[in-house]
Every structure is written in C-alpha cells, then in structure tokens.
Amino acid sequence: MGKGEWVSRRSVWRAVTVGVALAIAGAACGGGGGGSSKSNGEAASTMAPEDHRASGVEVRAGLAKLGGIVGQVGLAASADAKSAKQLDEGIEPEWQKIEGTIRANDKDLYIRFEDDFAALSKAAAAGDGSKAQQTAADLAEAVKAYLAKYPG
C-alpha cells in the first residue's frame, strides 16, 4: 500500500537474499561434514572455545549455518523482537565451534565477527530490523572476506 510497506518488503527480501547467499557460499566451498575434531570429548569440554581449532570444512559449514541464523534474525527483528532474540541465541553455540580457527587465522576478521554479532544481538533485542539487516549484510561481507583468504 504505502511507501513504508514497500520499504519493509524490500528490506525483508534483502535479508533473505543475504541469508541465502551466506548459506550458498558455505555449501559451494565444500561445506560437507567430514573430518571431526572431537578426538577426545573430555578435552574438548574443558577447552576454551577460542582455543579449539576446527578444520576448514567445519569452518565453512559453520559459517554457512551462521549465515542462515543471521538472515533469520535480520528478518525477525523488524516483525518480532522476541523471536529475533531467541534466534540470536543460536549464534553463540555455532560460533564457538569455529571461532578459535578464525581467530588464529585472522584476528582482524575475528574481531569484526565478534563486533557484528554483538551489534546483531543488540538490534534483535531492540526489534531494530533496519540495523539487524544492515549487520546481517556486514556479516555476509565478513564471511566472503574470510573465505577469500582461507578457502580451506
């Protein structure tokens, strides 16, 4: 109907596109599930997430999964802050699986991811769809930058 409705729909489609692009980028780079780094479950449970080293395949798969979650948060933030916040809570467990490898490979991109995840969390909690979608786009760019440097 009005201009605001058109902008909202366009923003939703942009967020969907970002999420799909992140998922495709991860899958296209071989996001299979091969190679487990869990040789000793006890050691893994006492290790700090940033000390864990995931394989390149695990990082690509993790980034693809995170891309889907980030896209969903971006979409939900403008419609339902509670849902966006719940979706956002799924980021940290996935991030912990791969953050150590990303941090070891590129500290600047690691900080960029951390900062963007914090901004996305804040936008989700506030129901700020515009900020959430912009942050989702920033995260998509960070994923592209990381995969360009470390294709696995």
Protein backbone atom coordinates (compact mmCIF):
# COMPACT_ATOMS: atom_id res chain seq x y z
CA MET A 1 0.00 0.00 0.00
CA GLY A 2 2.12 2.89 1.27
CA LYS A 3 5.78 3.64 0.85
CA GLY A 4 6.66 2.21 4.28
CA GLU A 5 5.18 -1.15 3.34
CA TRP A 6 7.26 -1.29 0.16
CA VAL A 7 10.45 -0.46 2.05
CA SER A 8 9.64 -3.16 4.60
CA ARG A 9 9.12 -5.79 1.91
CA ARG A 10 12.27 -4.74 0.11
CA SER A 11 14.22 -4.96 3.37
CA VAL A 12 12.82 -8.41 4.07
CA TRP A 13 13.86 -9.65 0.64
CA ARG A 14 17.31 -8.14 1.10
CA ALA A 15 17.74 -10.01 4.39
CA VAL A 16 16.53 -13.25 2.78
CA THR A 17 19.00 -12.75 -0.05
CA VAL A 18 21.87 -12.20 2.39
CA GLY A 19 20.99 -15.34 4.35
CA VAL A 20 20.68 -17.45 1.21
CA ALA A 21 23.95 -16.06 -0.17
CA LEU A 22 25.76 -16.96 3.05
CA ALA A 23 24.33 -20.48 3.00
CA ILE A 24 25.21 -20.98 -0.67
CA ALA A 25 28.73 -19.61 -0.17
CA GLY A 26 29.34 -22.09 2.61
CA ALA A 27 27.92 -25.01 0.65
CA ALA A 28 29.75 -24.07 -2.56
CA CYS A 29 33.04 -24.08 -0.72
CA GLY A 30 32.62 -27.70 0.31
CA GLY A 31 30.57 -27.39 3.47
CA GLY A 32 30.28 -31.18 3.87
CA GLY A 33 30.59 -32.54 7.36
CA GLY A 34 33.81 -34.55 7.02
CA GLY A 35 36.62 -34.64 9.47
CA SER A 36 35.69 -34.41 13.12
CA SER A 37 37.95 -32.64 15.55
CA LYS A 38 36.37 -34.37 18.54
CA SER A 39 39.03 -36.97 19.21
CA ASN A 40 38.69 -36.60 22.97
CA GLY A 41 35.33 -35.41 24.29
CA GLU A 42 36.73 -34.60 27.74
CA ALA A 43 39.49 -32.37 26.43
CA ALA A 44 37.05 -30.54 24.18
CA SER A 45 34.71 -29.79 27.08
CA THR A 46 37.44 -28.13 29.17
CA MET A 47 38.94 -26.17 26.27
CA ALA A 48 38.01 -22.52 25.79
CA PRO A 49 36.07 -22.02 22.52
CA GLU A 50 38.73 -19.69 21.15
CA ASP A 51 41.38 -22.40 21.69
CA HIS A 52 39.51 -25.01 19.63
CA ARG A 53 40.78 -25.48 16.07
CA ALA A 54 38.16 -26.60 13.57
CA SER A 55 39.02 -27.92 10.14
CA GLY A 56 38.49 -25.77 7.05
CA VAL A 57 35.45 -27.87 6.18
CA GLU A 58 33.99 -27.34 9.65
CA VAL A 59 34.59 -23.58 9.42
CA ARG A 60 32.87 -23.34 6.03
CA ALA A 61 29.92 -25.39 7.27
CA GLY A 62 29.74 -23.30 10.45
CA LEU A 63 29.81 -20.05 8.53
CA ALA A 64 27.02 -21.33 6.28
CA LYS A 65 24.91 -22.30 9.29
CA LEU A 66 25.60 -18.96 10.96
CA GLY A 67 24.60 -17.20 7.74
CA GLY A 68 21.20 -18.86 7.87
CA ILE A 69 20.69 -17.88 11.51
CA VAL A 70 21.87 -14.32 10.89
CA GLY A 71 19.46 -13.98 7.96
CA GLN A 72 16.59 -15.22 10.10
CA VAL A 73 17.46 -12.78 12.89
CA GLY A 74 17.53 -9.94 10.35
CA LEU A 75 14.08 -10.89 9.11
CA ALA A 76 12.56 -11.44 12.53
CA ALA A 77 13.91 -8.26 14.15
CA SER A 78 11.51 -5.95 12.35
CA ALA A 79 8.49 -8.19 12.96
CA ASP A 80 9.01 -9.79 16.36
CA ALA A 81 11.83 -8.79 18.72
CA LYS A 82 11.20 -11.79 20.98
CA SER A 83 11.63 -14.25 18.10
CA ALA A 84 14.66 -12.36 16.85
CA LYS A 85 16.25 -12.55 20.28
CA GLN A 86 15.55 -16.30 20.51
CA LEU A 87 17.05 -16.88 17.07
CA ASP A 88 20.04 -14.73 18.00
CA GLU A 89 20.74 -17.01 20.97
CA GLY A 90 21.53 -19.77 18.45
CA ILE A 91 24.53 -17.87 17.12
CA GLU A 92 26.92 -18.32 20.05
CA PRO A 93 26.86 -22.14 20.18
CA GLU A 94 27.65 -22.31 16.45
CA TRP A 95 30.25 -19.55 16.64
CA GLN A 96 32.08 -21.31 19.49
CA LYS A 97 32.70 -24.31 17.23
CA ILE A 98 34.71 -22.25 14.72
CA GLU A 99 35.83 -19.04 16.40
CA GLY A 100 39.19 -20.41 17.51
CA THR A 101 40.21 -21.20 13.96
CA ILE A 102 39.02 -17.84 12.66
CA ARG A 103 40.83 -16.05 15.49
CA ALA A 104 44.05 -17.97 14.82
CA ASN A 105 43.87 -17.27 11.09
CA ASP A 106 42.84 -13.61 11.10
CA LYS A 107 42.49 -11.58 14.30
CA ASP A 108 41.01 -8.57 12.48
CA LEU A 109 38.21 -10.60 10.90
CA TYR A 110 37.66 -12.38 14.21
CA ILE A 111 37.10 -9.00 15.89
CA ARG A 112 34.83 -7.94 13.04
CA PHE A 113 32.70 -11.07 13.50
CA GLU A 114 32.55 -10.55 17.27
CA ASP A 115 31.57 -6.88 16.87
CA ASP A 116 28.93 -7.67 14.25
CA PHE A 117 27.45 -10.48 16.36
CA ALA A 118 27.21 -8.06 19.30
CA ALA A 119 25.55 -5.42 17.09
CA LEU A 120 23.12 -8.01 15.71
CA SER A 121 22.23 -9.15 19.22
CA LYS A 122 21.55 -5.57 20.28
CA ALA A 123 19.42 -4.90 17.19
CA ALA A 124 17.47 -8.12 17.71
CA ALA A 125 16.73 -7.31 21.35
CA ALA A 126 15.59 -3.80 20.37
CA GLY A 127 13.49 -5.02 17.45
CA ASP A 128 15.54 -2.80 15.12
CA GLY A 129 15.01 -4.55 11.80
CA SER A 130 16.92 -2.00 9.78
CA LYS A 131 20.04 -2.30 11.95
CA ALA A 132 19.72 -6.09 12.08
CA GLN A 133 19.53 -6.32 8.30
CA GLN A 134 22.50 -3.98 7.85
CA THR A 135 24.50 -6.04 10.32
CA ALA A 136 23.49 -9.24 8.51
CA ALA A 137 24.85 -7.71 5.30
CA ASP A 138 28.07 -6.74 7.11
CA LEU A 139 28.42 -10.31 8.36
CA ALA A 140 27.90 -11.63 4.83
CA GLU A 141 30.80 -9.45 3.70
CA ALA A 142 32.96 -10.70 6.59
CA VAL A 143 32.21 -14.29 5.55
CA LYS A 144 33.19 -13.52 1.95
CA ALA A 145 36.41 -11.87 3.12
CA TYR A 146 37.31 -14.80 5.35
CA LEU A 147 36.57 -17.44 2.71
CA ALA A 148 38.55 -15.47 0.12
CA LYS A 149 41.61 -15.63 2.40
CA TYR A 150 41.04 -19.10 3.83
CA PRO A 151 39.06 -21.21 1.35
CA GLY A 152 40.06 -24.36 3.23
